[in-house]
Amino acid sequence: MKALVTGASGFLGGNLCRVLLAEGREVRVLLRKTSDRRGIEGLPLEIVEGDVADAGSCEKAAKGCGEAYHCAAAYQLFVRDKKKMYEANVQGTANVLKAAAQAGASRIVYTSTVGALGNKGDGTPGTEETPVSESDMVGPYKHSKFLAEQEALRLFREEKIPVVIVNPTAPIGPWDVKPTPTGRLVLDFLKGDMPAYVDTGLNVIDVEDCARGHVLAAEKGRLGEKYILGGENLTLEGILKLLSEITGKPAPRWRLPYAPVLGMAYVAEGFARLTGWPQDLRLNVASVKMAKKKMWFSSEKARKELGLSARPAREALERAAKWFEEHGYTHRPS
């Protein structure tokens, strides 16, 4: 059975392609002409060029595919053009789900995010049932993904589209070519570019385990249900200590208070909007506001219903660090 994967040039999508190919599946991918394809270079993929925001592209890509994995998303926490993000994340989701259903796909897995779920932020792990509302969404990325998830649920209820939703936590591991914000955290540590940290927390899952969770969702997930794909809940301080043990490099000692960091983010974002520089602003308001909560979650539902298993966070961090080092990411320009 041929599988359609959108977002294959991304970290999670590329690893999903590898998992599907390893299982002997034929894989077709929908990619923009301008996509960075380093993460899937050399893989035996059938490529259809187009854009998820274009319904015709989605219909062309979905033709003849018995299942689909919609991983594509505009993933930036600081954006100048919010309209394009909503077109990609909300309208793009509707386009892909409708096209895959019309093509006869029996299962469509939509990759959402735990950012679209409820989380008290007090250290209590969130679940698929934790109360959440649109007003809880911080920044255009989380807001657009929340709306996209609601659209997927609407299409299931009203149009009987066979969708299963997965909510990954913070995937980490090999082939993070861009890299993602979580990958940058590891890379900054490796390069010694992290003098201090904030008091926050993440749920870490190895990217390969997360990709396998997608396949399990296609095989065993109940239609219209959400499944958190996660691993270990760790404080950022705990993650940095693990990286220190893995690499022998010292962990940062200074923990920064929240309020001054948020103030700095507002100043940095204002400067970036006025000057157009930098294009990719890492200290931004949305990321700092998100860090105020410990983003801890429970994957018990996915473990029980899908059979999800995740290796220890230490191993995922080791794999990420090794990949960055082997691929020259830690080398400073001479």
C-alpha atoms as a PDB file:
ATOM      1  CA  MET A   1       0.000   0.000   0.000  1.00  0.00           C
ATOM      2  CA  LYS A   2       1.346   3.402  -0.994  1.00  0.00           C
ATOM      3  CA  ALA A   3       1.558   6.033   1.744  1.00  0.00           C
ATOM      4  CA  LEU A   4       1.432   9.782   1.238  1.00  0.00           C
ATOM      5  CA  VAL A   5       3.600  11.884   3.545  1.00  0.00           C
ATOM      6  CA  THR A   6       3.439  15.672   3.645  1.00  0.00           C
ATOM      7  CA  GLY A   7       6.192  17.608   5.382  1.00  0.00           C
ATOM      8  CA  ALA A   8       8.829  15.022   4.437  1.00  0.00           C
ATOM      9  CA  SER A   9      11.517  17.703   4.289  1.00  0.00           C
ATOM     10  CA  GLY A  10      10.925  18.404   7.977  1.00  0.00           C
ATOM     11  CA  PHE A  11      12.519  16.668  10.945  1.00  0.00           C
ATOM     12  CA  LEU A  12       9.605  14.425  11.902  1.00  0.00           C
ATOM     13  CA  GLY A  13       8.334  13.880   8.359  1.00  0.00           C
ATOM     14  CA  GLY A  14      11.748  12.784   7.117  1.00  0.00           C
ATOM     15  CA  ASN A  15      12.147  10.300   9.946  1.00  0.00           C
ATOM     16  CA  LEU A  16       8.640   9.007   9.278  1.00  0.00           C
ATOM     17  CA  CYS A  17       9.631   8.345   5.646  1.00  0.00           C
ATOM     18  CA  ARG A  18      12.594   6.322   6.885  1.00  0.00           C
ATOM     19  CA  VAL A  19      10.394   4.234   9.177  1.00  0.00           C
ATOM     20  CA  LEU A  20       7.845   3.561   6.419  1.00  0.00           C
ATOM     21  CA  LEU A  21      10.546   2.628   3.907  1.00  0.00           C
ATOM     22  CA  ALA A  22      12.167   0.286   6.443  1.00  0.00           C
ATOM     23  CA  GLU A  23       8.828  -1.517   6.691  1.00  0.00           C
ATOM     24  CA  GLY A  24       8.756  -2.014   2.924  1.00  0.00           C
ATOM     25  CA  ARG A  25       6.157   0.647   2.150  1.00  0.00           C
ATOM     26  CA  GLU A  26       6.049   2.682  -1.030  1.00  0.00           C
ATOM     27  CA  VAL A  27       6.151   6.352  -0.060  1.00  0.00           C
ATOM     28  CA  ARG A  28       5.016   9.373  -2.026  1.00  0.00           C
ATOM     29  CA  VAL A  29       5.785  12.839  -0.688  1.00  0.00           C
ATOM     30  CA  LEU A  30       4.316  16.258  -1.416  1.00  0.00           C
ATOM     31  CA  LEU A  31       7.063  18.894  -1.378  1.00  0.00           C
ATOM     32  CA  ARG A  32       7.347  22.534  -2.322  1.00  0.00           C
ATOM     33  CA  LYS A  33       9.921  23.269  -5.039  1.00  0.00           C
ATOM     34  CA  THR A  34      11.850  25.368  -2.531  1.00  0.00           C
ATOM     35  CA  SER A  35      11.903  22.760   0.264  1.00  0.00           C
ATOM     36  CA  ASP A  36      15.226  21.950   1.901  1.00  0.00           C
ATOM     37  CA  ARG A  37      15.599  18.260   1.000  1.00  0.00           C
ATOM     38  CA  ARG A  38      18.847  17.441   2.796  1.00  0.00           C
ATOM     39  CA  GLY A  39      17.041  15.290   5.363  1.00  0.00           C
ATOM     40  CA  ILE A  40      15.631  12.911   2.734  1.00  0.00           C
ATOM     41  CA  GLU A  41      18.401  13.054   0.135  1.00  0.00           C
ATOM     42  CA  GLY A  42      18.990   9.643  -1.431  1.00  0.00           C
ATOM     43  CA  LEU A  43      15.796   8.048  -0.124  1.00  0.00           C
ATOM     44  CA  PRO A  44      13.715   6.117  -2.711  1.00  0.00           C
ATOM     45  CA  LEU A  45      10.710   8.430  -2.558  1.00  0.00           C
ATOM     46  CA  GLU A  46       8.180   9.354  -5.213  1.00  0.00           C
ATOM     47  CA  ILE A  47       8.087  13.145  -5.207  1.00  0.00           C
ATOM     48  CA  VAL A  48       5.135  15.306  -6.209  1.00  0.00           C
ATOM     49  CA  GLU A  49       5.890  19.005  -6.194  1.00  0.00           C
ATOM     50  CA  GLY A  50       3.224  21.308  -4.869  1.00  0.00           C
ATOM     51  CA  ASP A  51       1.936  23.005  -1.745  1.00  0.00           C
ATOM     52  CA  VAL A  52      -0.541  21.883   0.912  1.00  0.00           C
ATOM     53  CA  ALA A  53      -2.193  25.318   0.629  1.00  0.00           C
ATOM     54  CA  ASP A  54      -3.139  24.391  -2.955  1.00  0.00           C
ATOM     55  CA  ALA A  55      -6.006  21.892  -3.101  1.00  0.00           C
ATOM     56  CA  GLY A  56      -5.048  20.731  -6.606  1.00  0.00           C
ATOM     57  CA  SER A  57      -1.548  19.791  -5.430  1.00  0.00           C
ATOM     58  CA  CYS A  58      -3.017  17.735  -2.612  1.00  0.00           C
ATOM     59  CA  GLU A  59      -5.409  15.895  -4.922  1.00  0.00           C
ATOM     60  CA  LYS A  60      -2.577  15.026  -7.309  1.00  0.00           C
ATOM     61  CA  ALA A  61      -0.374  13.771  -4.490  1.00  0.00           C
ATOM     62  CA  ALA A  62      -3.102  11.717  -2.808  1.00  0.00           C
ATOM     63  CA  LYS A  63      -4.203   9.823  -5.911  1.00  0.00           C
ATOM     64  CA  GLY A  64      -3.650   6.092  -5.444  1.00  0.00           C
ATOM     65  CA  CYS A  65      -2.507   6.332  -1.803  1.00  0.00           C
ATOM     66  CA  GLY A  66      -4.189   4.000   0.665  1.00  0.00           C
ATOM     67  CA  GLU A  67      -3.061   5.935   3.715  1.00  0.00           C
ATOM     68  CA  ALA A  68      -1.767   9.427   4.422  1.00  0.00           C
ATOM     69  CA  TYR A  69       0.353  11.164   7.044  1.00  0.00           C
ATOM     70  CA  HIS A  70      -0.071  14.933   7.185  1.00  0.00           C
ATOM     71  CA  CYS A  71       3.060  16.197   8.938  1.00  0.00           C
ATOM     72  CA  ALA A  72       3.535  19.441   7.004  1.00  0.00           C
ATOM     73  CA  ALA A  73       3.260  22.683   8.952  1.00  0.00           C
ATOM     74  CA  ALA A  74       4.681  26.168   9.061  1.00  0.00           C
ATOM     75  CA  TYR A  75       6.641  25.936  12.311  1.00  0.00           C
ATOM     76  CA  GLN A  76       8.073  29.248  13.463  1.00  0.00           C
ATOM     77  CA  LEU A  77       7.431  30.891  16.805  1.00  0.00           C
ATOM     78  CA  PHE A  78       8.204  34.342  15.382  1.00  0.00           C
ATOM     79  CA  VAL A  79       6.566  35.232  12.069  1.00  0.00           C
ATOM     80  CA  ARG A  80       6.100  38.448  10.141  1.00  0.00           C
ATOM     81  CA  ASP A  81       3.384  37.130   7.822  1.00  0.00           C
ATOM     82  CA  LYS A  82       0.782  35.347   9.949  1.00  0.00           C
ATOM     83  CA  LYS A  83      -1.546  34.893   6.971  1.00  0.00           C
ATOM     84  CA  LYS A  84       0.777  32.408   5.275  1.00  0.00           C
ATOM     85  CA  MET A  85       1.090  30.406   8.483  1.00  0.00           C
ATOM     86  CA  TYR A  86      -2.679  30.075   8.828  1.00  0.00           C
ATOM     87  CA  GLU A  87      -3.013  29.162   5.145  1.00  0.00           C
ATOM     88  CA  ALA A  88      -0.454  26.384   5.536  1.00  0.00           C
ATOM     89  CA  ASN A  89      -1.536  25.064   8.912  1.00  0.00           C
ATOM     90  CA  VAL A  90      -5.322  25.429   8.812  1.00  0.00           C
ATOM     91  CA  GLN A  91      -6.355  25.475   5.157  1.00  0.00           C
ATOM     92  CA  GLY A  92      -3.516  23.107   4.289  1.00  0.00           C
ATOM     93  CA  THR A  93      -4.811  20.571   6.802  1.00  0.00           C
ATOM     94  CA  ALA A  94      -8.320  20.720   5.335  1.00  0.00           C
ATOM     95  CA  ASN A  95      -6.917  20.352   1.816  1.00  0.00           C
ATOM     96  CA  VAL A  96      -4.808  17.286   2.622  1.00  0.00           C
ATOM     97  CA  LEU A  97      -7.480  15.501   4.656  1.00  0.00           C
ATOM     98  CA  LYS A  98     -10.155  16.055   2.008  1.00  0.00           C
ATOM     99  CA  ALA A  99      -7.873  15.022  -0.851  1.00  0.00           C
ATOM    100  CA  ALA A 100      -6.725  11.854   0.913  1.00  0.00           C
ATOM    101  CA  ALA A 101     -10.303  10.877   1.785  1.00  0.00           C
ATOM    102  CA  GLN A 102     -11.493  11.502  -1.788  1.00  0.00           C
ATOM    103  CA  ALA A 103      -8.622   9.340  -3.059  1.00  0.00           C
ATOM    104  CA  GLY A 104      -9.859   6.468  -0.899  1.00  0.00           C
ATOM    105  CA  ALA A 105      -7.336   6.498   1.954  1.00  0.00           C
ATOM    106  CA  SER A 106      -8.592   4.253   4.740  1.00  0.00           C
ATOM    107  CA  ARG A 107      -6.556   6.040   7.428  1.00  0.00           C
ATOM    108  CA  ILE A 108      -5.217   9.580   7.613  1.00  0.00           C
ATOM    109  CA  VAL A 109      -2.902  10.524  10.467  1.00  0.00           C
ATOM    110  CA  TYR A 110      -2.790  14.235  11.226  1.00  0.00           C
ATOM    111  CA  THR A 111       0.266  15.500  13.113  1.00  0.00           C
ATOM    112  CA  SER A 112      -0.875  18.129  15.589  1.00  0.00           C
ATOM    113  CA  THR A 113       1.161  19.210  18.637  1.00  0.00           C
ATOM    114  CA  VAL A 114       0.847  19.055  22.415  1.00  0.00           C
ATOM    115  CA  GLY A 115       0.845  22.848  22.167  1.00  0.00           C
ATOM    116  CA  ALA A 116      -2.793  22.550  21.064  1.00  0.00           C
ATOM    117  CA  LEU A 117      -3.725  20.598  24.204  1.00  0.00           C
ATOM    118  CA  GLY A 118      -4.509  21.695  27.726  1.00  0.00           C
ATOM    119  CA  ASN A 119      -1.720  21.937  30.281  1.00  0.00           C
ATOM    120  CA  LYS A 120      -1.992  23.387  33.783  1.00  0.00           C
ATOM    121  CA  GLY A 121       1.706  24.246  33.814  1.00  0.00           C
ATOM    122  CA  ASP A 122       2.114  23.315  37.480  1.00  0.00           C
ATOM    123  CA  GLY A 123       3.926  20.054  36.832  1.00  0.00           C
ATOM    124  CA  THR A 124       0.749  17.997  36.413  1.00  0.00           C
ATOM    125  CA  PRO A 125       1.103  16.114  33.119  1.00  0.00           C
ATOM    126  CA  GLY A 126      -1.529  17.100  30.576  1.00  0.00           C
ATOM    127  CA  THR A 127      -3.603  14.488  28.767  1.00  0.00           C
ATOM    128  CA  GLU A 128      -5.800  14.378  25.691  1.00  0.00           C
ATOM    129  CA  GLU A 129      -8.723  15.292  27.969  1.00  0.00           C
ATOM    130  CA  THR A 130      -7.195  18.218  29.884  1.00  0.00           C
ATOM    131  CA  PRO A 131      -9.506  21.222  29.378  1.00  0.00           C
ATOM    132  CA  VAL A 132      -8.282  23.737  26.808  1.00  0.00           C
ATOM    133  CA  SER A 133      -9.667  26.716  24.907  1.00  0.00           C
ATOM    134  CA  GLU A 134      -8.617  28.933  22.037  1.00  0.00           C
ATOM    135  CA  SER A 135      -7.696  31.668  24.519  1.00  0.00           C
ATOM    136  CA  ASP A 136      -4.960  29.398  25.932  1.00  0.00           C
ATOM    137  CA  MET A 137      -3.023  29.480  22.673  1.00  0.00           C
ATOM    138  CA  VAL A 138       0.150  31.601  22.792  1.00  0.00           C
ATOM    139  CA  GLY A 139       1.356  32.967  19.454  1.00  0.00           C
ATOM    140  CA  PRO A 140       0.242  32.303  15.874  1.00  0.00           C
ATOM    141  CA  TYR A 141       1.890  28.867  15.601  1.00  0.00           C
ATOM    142  CA  LYS A 142       0.021  27.326  18.536  1.00  0.00           C
ATOM    143  CA  HIS A 143      -3.177  29.161  17.599  1.00  0.00           C
ATOM    144  CA  SER A 144      -3.058  27.968  13.987  1.00  0.00           C
ATOM    145  CA  LYS A 145      -2.353  24.386  15.060  1.00  0.00           C
ATOM    146  CA  PHE A 146      -5.251  24.528  17.525  1.00  0.00           C
ATOM    147  CA  LEU A 147      -7.576  25.679  14.738  1.00  0.00           C
ATOM    148  CA  ALA A 148      -6.196  22.992  12.412  1.00  0.00           C
ATOM    149  CA  GLU A 149      -6.877  20.306  15.006  1.00  0.00           C
ATOM    150  CA  GLN A 150     -10.427  21.579  15.420  1.00  0.00           C
ATOM    151  CA  GLU A 151     -10.856  21.487  11.633  1.00  0.00           C
ATOM    152  CA  ALA A 152      -9.651  17.881  11.525  1.00  0.00           C
ATOM    153  CA  LEU A 153     -12.174  16.932  14.209  1.00  0.00           C
ATOM    154  CA  ARG A 154     -14.940  18.775  12.337  1.00  0.00           C
ATOM    155  CA  LEU A 155     -14.133  16.926   9.116  1.00  0.00           C
ATOM    156  CA  PHE A 156     -14.292  13.638  11.019  1.00  0.00           C
ATOM    157  CA  ARG A 157     -17.661  14.472  12.585  1.00  0.00           C
ATOM    158  CA  GLU A 158     -19.367  16.111   9.623  1.00  0.00           C
ATOM    159  CA  GLU A 159     -17.743  14.490   6.586  1.00  0.00           C
ATOM    160  CA  LYS A 160     -16.702  11.141   8.095  1.00  0.00           C
ATOM    161  CA  ILE A 161     -13.096  11.631   7.040  1.00  0.00           C
ATOM    162  CA  PRO A 162     -11.070   8.752   8.609  1.00  0.00           C
ATOM    163  CA  VAL A 163      -8.590  10.814  10.585  1.00  0.00           C
ATOM    164  CA  VAL A 164      -6.554   9.941  13.678  1.00  0.00           C
ATOM    165  CA  ILE A 165      -4.787  12.828  15.433  1.00  0.00           C
ATOM    166  CA  VAL A 166      -1.369  12.504  17.041  1.00  0.00           C
ATOM    167  CA  ASN A 167       0.111  15.138  19.346  1.00  0.00           C
ATOM    168  CA  PRO A 168       3.914  14.814  19.509  1.00  0.00           C
ATOM    169  CA  THR A 169       5.758  16.349  22.442  1.00  0.00           C
ATOM    170  CA  ALA A 170       9.392  17.399  21.769  1.00  0.00           C
ATOM    171  CA  PRO A 171      11.010  14.990  19.289  1.00  0.00           C
ATOM    172  CA  ILE A 172      14.784  14.843  19.305  1.00  0.00           C
ATOM    173  CA  GLY A 173      17.381  12.794  17.468  1.00  0.00           C
ATOM    174  CA  PRO A 174      19.071  12.328  14.072  1.00  0.00           C
ATOM    175  CA  TRP A 175      18.350  14.193  10.829  1.00  0.00           C
ATOM    176  CA  ASP A 176      17.387  17.489  12.446  1.00  0.00           C
ATOM    177  CA  VAL A 177      18.955  19.336   9.537  1.00  0.00           C
ATOM    178  CA  LYS A 178      17.514  22.851  10.012  1.00  0.00           C
ATOM    179  CA  PRO A 179      17.438  22.326  13.143  1.00  0.00           C
ATOM    180  CA  THR A 180      14.175  22.511  15.131  1.00  0.00           C
ATOM    181  CA  PRO A 181      13.951  24.640  18.302  1.00  0.00           C
ATOM    182  CA  THR A 182      14.537  21.541  20.464  1.00  0.00           C
ATOM    183  CA  GLY A 183      17.470  20.525  18.308  1.00  0.00           C
ATOM    184  CA  ARG A 184      18.906  24.030  18.657  1.00  0.00           C
ATOM    185  CA  LEU A 185      18.847  23.604  22.408  1.00  0.00           C
ATOM    186  CA  VAL A 186      21.122  20.562  22.083  1.00  0.00           C
ATOM    187  CA  LEU A 187      23.301  22.259  19.487  1.00  0.00           C
ATOM    188  CA  ASP A 188      23.695  25.429  21.552  1.00  0.00           C
ATOM    189  CA  PHE A 189      24.815  23.284  24.478  1.00  0.00           C
ATOM    190  CA  LEU A 190      27.333  21.409  22.321  1.00  0.00           C
ATOM    191  CA  LYS A 191      28.768  24.670  20.979  1.00  0.00           C
ATOM    192  CA  GLY A 192      28.930  26.320  24.404  1.00  0.00           C
ATOM    193  CA  ASP A 193      26.408  28.964  23.390  1.00  0.00           C
ATOM    194  CA  MET A 194      24.110  28.553  26.401  1.00  0.00           C
ATOM    195  CA  PRO A 195      25.422  30.550  29.380  1.00  0.00           C
ATOM    196  CA  ALA A 196      22.105  30.400  31.268  1.00  0.00           C
ATOM    197  CA  TYR A 197      18.664  28.801  31.210  1.00  0.00           C
ATOM    198  CA  VAL A 198      15.078  29.405  32.314  1.00  0.00           C
ATOM    199  CA  ASP A 199      12.946  27.328  34.655  1.00  0.00           C
ATOM    200  CA  THR A 200      10.790  25.291  32.295  1.00  0.00           C
ATOM    201  CA  GLY A 201      10.172  21.690  31.338  1.00  0.00           C
ATOM    202  CA  LEU A 202       9.689  19.522  28.269  1.00  0.00           C
ATOM    203  CA  ASN A 203       8.556  16.025  27.435  1.00  0.00           C
ATOM    204  CA  VAL A 204      11.284  14.457  25.301  1.00  0.00           C
ATOM    205  CA  ILE A 205      10.759  11.607  22.813  1.00  0.00           C
ATOM    206  CA  ASP A 206      13.213  10.131  20.339  1.00  0.00           C
ATOM    207  CA  VAL A 207      12.149  11.180  16.839  1.00  0.00           C
ATOM    208  CA  GLU A 208      12.239   7.603  15.517  1.00  0.00           C
ATOM    209  CA  ASP A 209       9.943   6.451  18.326  1.00  0.00           C
ATOM    210  CA  CYS A 210       7.626   9.364  17.554  1.00  0.00           C
ATOM    211  CA  ALA A 211       7.607   8.405  13.857  1.00  0.00           C
ATOM    212  CA  ARG A 212       6.773   4.804  14.759  1.00  0.00           C
ATOM    213  CA  GLY A 213       3.937   6.191  16.867  1.00  0.00           C
ATOM    214  CA  HIS A 214       2.467   7.660  13.685  1.00  0.00           C
ATOM    215  CA  VAL A 215       2.494   4.263  12.007  1.00  0.00           C
ATOM    216  CA  LEU A 216       0.914   2.679  15.080  1.00  0.00           C
ATOM    217  CA  ALA A 217      -1.787   5.364  14.996  1.00  0.00           C
ATOM    218  CA  ALA A 218      -2.563   4.427  11.386  1.00  0.00           C
ATOM    219  CA  GLU A 219      -2.730   0.757  12.289  1.00  0.00           C
ATOM    220  CA  LYS A 220      -4.494   0.832  15.663  1.00  0.00           C
ATOM    221  CA  GLY A 221      -5.768   4.343  16.398  1.00  0.00           C
ATOM    222  CA  ARG A 222      -9.473   4.964  16.830  1.00  0.00           C
ATOM    223  CA  LEU A 223     -10.894   7.356  14.272  1.00  0.00           C
ATOM    224  CA  GLY A 224     -11.505  10.845  15.600  1.00  0.00           C
ATOM    225  CA  GLU A 225      -9.285  10.272  18.639  1.00  0.00           C
ATOM    226  CA  LYS A 226      -6.164  12.116  19.800  1.00  0.00           C
ATOM    227  CA  TYR A 227      -2.987  10.403  21.011  1.00  0.00           C
ATOM    228  CA  ILE A 228      -0.066  12.093  22.759  1.00  0.00           C
ATOM    229  CA  LEU A 229       3.240  10.721  21.458  1.00  0.00           C
ATOM    230  CA  GLY A 230       5.739  11.440  24.198  1.00  0.00           C
ATOM    231  CA  GLY A 231       8.490  10.029  26.373  1.00  0.00           C
ATOM    232  CA  GLU A 232      10.039  11.452  29.538  1.00  0.00           C
ATOM    233  CA  ASN A 233       9.052  14.621  31.383  1.00  0.00           C
ATOM    234  CA  LEU A 234      12.179  16.587  32.303  1.00  0.00           C
ATOM    235  CA  THR A 235      13.007  20.067  33.518  1.00  0.00           C
ATOM    236  CA  LEU A 236      15.273  22.056  31.237  1.00  0.00           C
ATOM    237  CA  GLU A 237      17.863  21.921  34.017  1.00  0.00           C
ATOM    238  CA  GLY A 238      17.563  18.125  33.980  1.00  0.00           C
ATOM    239  CA  ILE A 239      18.017  17.995  30.203  1.00  0.00           C
ATOM    240  CA  LEU A 240      21.162  20.124  30.457  1.00  0.00           C
ATOM    241  CA  LYS A 241      22.556  17.902  33.211  1.00  0.00           C
ATOM    242  CA  LEU A 242      22.009  14.837  31.006  1.00  0.00           C
ATOM    243  CA  LEU A 243      23.792  16.565  28.130  1.00  0.00           C
ATOM    244  CA  SER A 244      26.646  17.398  30.495  1.00  0.00           C
ATOM    245  CA  GLU A 245      26.951  13.747  31.519  1.00  0.00           C
ATOM    246  CA  ILE A 246      26.810  12.612  27.871  1.00  0.00           C
ATOM    247  CA  THR A 247      29.364  15.081  26.524  1.00  0.00           C
ATOM    248  CA  GLY A 248      31.548  15.953  29.511  1.00  0.00           C
ATOM    249  CA  LYS A 249      30.819  19.639  28.883  1.00  0.00           C
ATOM    250  CA  PRO A 250      29.724  21.795  31.840  1.00  0.00           C
ATOM    251  CA  ALA A 251      26.053  22.645  32.208  1.00  0.00           C
ATOM    252  CA  PRO A 252      25.122  26.331  32.573  1.00  0.00           C
ATOM    253  CA  ARG A 253      24.844  27.402  36.199  1.00  0.00           C
ATOM    254  CA  TRP A 254      22.696  30.501  35.964  1.00  0.00           C
ATOM    255  CA  ARG A 255      18.917  30.314  35.955  1.00  0.00           C
ATOM    256  CA  LEU A 256      17.334  33.466  34.576  1.00  0.00           C
ATOM    257  CA  PRO A 257      14.160  34.966  36.102  1.00  0.00           C
ATOM    258  CA  TYR A 258      11.126  34.990  33.825  1.00  0.00           C
ATOM    259  CA  ALA A 259      10.125  38.678  33.825  1.00  0.00           C
ATOM    260  CA  PRO A 260      13.415  40.202  32.541  1.00  0.00           C
ATOM    261  CA  VAL A 261      13.672  37.550  29.810  1.00  0.00           C
ATOM    262  CA  LEU A 262      10.142  38.353  28.651  1.00  0.00           C
ATOM    263  CA  GLY A 263      11.005  42.064  28.608  1.00  0.00           C
ATOM    264  CA  MET A 264      14.098  41.338  26.500  1.00  0.00           C
ATOM    265  CA  ALA A 265      11.945  39.294  24.113  1.00  0.00           C
ATOM    266  CA  TYR A 266       9.538  42.198  23.578  1.00  0.00           C
ATOM    267  CA  VAL A 267      12.485  44.511  22.816  1.00  0.00           C
ATOM    268  CA  ALA A 268      14.098  41.986  20.445  1.00  0.00           C
ATOM    269  CA  GLU A 269      10.828  41.346  18.630  1.00  0.00           C
ATOM    270  CA  GLY A 270      10.129  45.054  18.247  1.00  0.00           C
ATOM    271  CA  PHE A 271      13.609  45.618  16.805  1.00  0.00           C
ATOM    272  CA  ALA A 272      13.181  42.693  14.389  1.00  0.00           C
ATOM    273  CA  ARG A 273       9.850  43.996  13.119  1.00  0.00           C
ATOM    274  CA  LEU A 274      11.253  47.511  12.594  1.00  0.00           C
ATOM    275  CA  THR A 275      14.482  46.474  10.883  1.00  0.00           C
ATOM    276  CA  GLY A 276      13.649  43.123   9.279  1.00  0.00           C
ATOM    277  CA  TRP A 277      16.644  41.555  11.037  1.00  0.00           C
ATOM    278  CA  PRO A 278      17.160  38.841  12.005  1.00  0.00           C
ATOM    279  CA  GLN A 279      14.830  36.743   9.875  1.00  0.00           C
ATOM    280  CA  ASP A 280      14.743  33.922  12.433  1.00  0.00           C
ATOM    281  CA  LEU A 281      14.376  35.516  15.861  1.00  0.00           C
ATOM    282  CA  ARG A 282      15.140  32.956  18.545  1.00  0.00           C
ATOM    283  CA  LEU A 283      14.386  35.186  21.546  1.00  0.00           C
ATOM    284  CA  ASN A 284      10.732  35.940  20.898  1.00  0.00           C
ATOM    285  CA  VAL A 285       7.655  36.614  22.991  1.00  0.00           C
ATOM    286  CA  ALA A 286       5.813  33.391  22.142  1.00  0.00           C
ATOM    287  CA  SER A 287       8.741  31.132  23.072  1.00  0.00           C
ATOM    288  CA  VAL A 288       9.292  32.903  26.402  1.00  0.00           C
ATOM    289  CA  LYS A 289       5.585  32.817  27.301  1.00  0.00           C
ATOM    290  CA  MET A 290       5.473  29.115  26.433  1.00  0.00           C
ATOM    291  CA  ALA A 291       8.481  28.507  28.676  1.00  0.00           C
ATOM    292  CA  LYS A 292       6.534  29.796  31.679  1.00  0.00           C
ATOM    293  CA  LYS A 293       4.706  26.456  31.737  1.00  0.00           C
ATOM    294  CA  LYS A 294       6.314  23.076  32.223  1.00  0.00           C
ATOM    295  CA  MET A 295       5.101  21.325  29.074  1.00  0.00           C
ATOM    296  CA  TRP A 296       4.722  17.917  30.665  1.00  0.00           C
ATOM    297  CA  PHE A 297       2.326  15.332  29.290  1.00  0.00           C
ATOM    298  CA  SER A 298       1.205  11.736  29.734  1.00  0.00           C
ATOM    299  CA  SER A 299       1.356   9.260  26.842  1.00  0.00           C
ATOM    300  CA  GLU A 300      -0.537   6.571  28.736  1.00  0.00           C
ATOM    301  CA  LYS A 301      -3.359   6.461  26.183  1.00  0.00           C
ATOM    302  CA  ALA A 302      -0.938   5.916  23.292  1.00  0.00           C
ATOM    303  CA  ARG A 303       0.914   3.234  25.233  1.00  0.00           C
ATOM    304  CA  LYS A 304      -2.268   1.346  26.071  1.00  0.00           C
ATOM    305  CA  GLU A 305      -4.144   1.684  22.786  1.00  0.00           C
ATOM    306  CA  LEU A 306      -1.339   1.916  20.218  1.00  0.00           C
ATOM    307  CA  GLY A 307       1.496   0.055  21.896  1.00  0.00           C
ATOM    308  CA  LEU A 308       3.741   3.130  21.823  1.00  0.00           C
ATOM    309  CA  SER A 309       7.162   2.627  23.368  1.00  0.00           C
ATOM    310  CA  ALA A 310       9.861   5.251  23.791  1.00  0.00           C
ATOM    311  CA  ARG A 311      13.527   4.833  24.648  1.00  0.00           C
ATOM    312  CA  PRO A 312      14.971   6.815  27.574  1.00  0.00           C
ATOM    313  CA  ALA A 313      15.477  10.544  27.028  1.00  0.00           C
ATOM    314  CA  ARG A 314      19.196  10.109  27.678  1.00  0.00           C
ATOM    315  CA  GLU A 315      19.496   7.827  24.645  1.00  0.00           C
ATOM    316  CA  ALA A 316      17.530  10.267  22.468  1.00  0.00           C
ATOM    317  CA  LEU A 317      19.824  13.109  23.550  1.00  0.00           C
ATOM    318  CA  GLU A 318      22.898  10.946  22.878  1.00  0.00           C
ATOM    319  CA  ARG A 319      21.651  10.197  19.355  1.00  0.00           C
ATOM    320  CA  ALA A 320      20.956  13.863  18.682  1.00  0.00           C
ATOM    321  CA  ALA A 321      24.359  14.993  19.965  1.00  0.00           C
ATOM    322  CA  LYS A 322      26.168  12.308  17.978  1.00  0.00           C
ATOM    323  CA  TRP A 323      24.338  13.229  14.754  1.00  0.00           C
ATOM    324  CA  PHE A 324      25.094  16.946  15.102  1.00  0.00           C
ATOM    325  CA  GLU A 325      28.761  16.222  15.791  1.00  0.00           C
ATOM    326  CA  GLU A 326      29.133  13.716  12.938  1.00  0.00           C
ATOM    327  CA  HIS A 327      27.514  16.097  10.448  1.00  0.00           C
ATOM    328  CA  GLY A 328      29.658  19.106  11.281  1.00  0.00           C
ATOM    329  CA  TYR A 329      27.096  21.233  13.092  1.00  0.00           C
ATOM    330  CA  THR A 330      29.361  21.807  16.084  1.00  0.00           C
ATOM    331  CA  HIS A 331      32.320  23.058  14.030  1.00  0.00           C
ATOM    332  CA  ARG A 332      32.806  26.806  14.248  1.00  0.00           C
ATOM    333  CA  PRO A 333      33.832  28.627  11.055  1.00  0.00           C
ATOM    334  CA  SER A 334      37.601  29.148  10.925  1.00  0.00           C
END
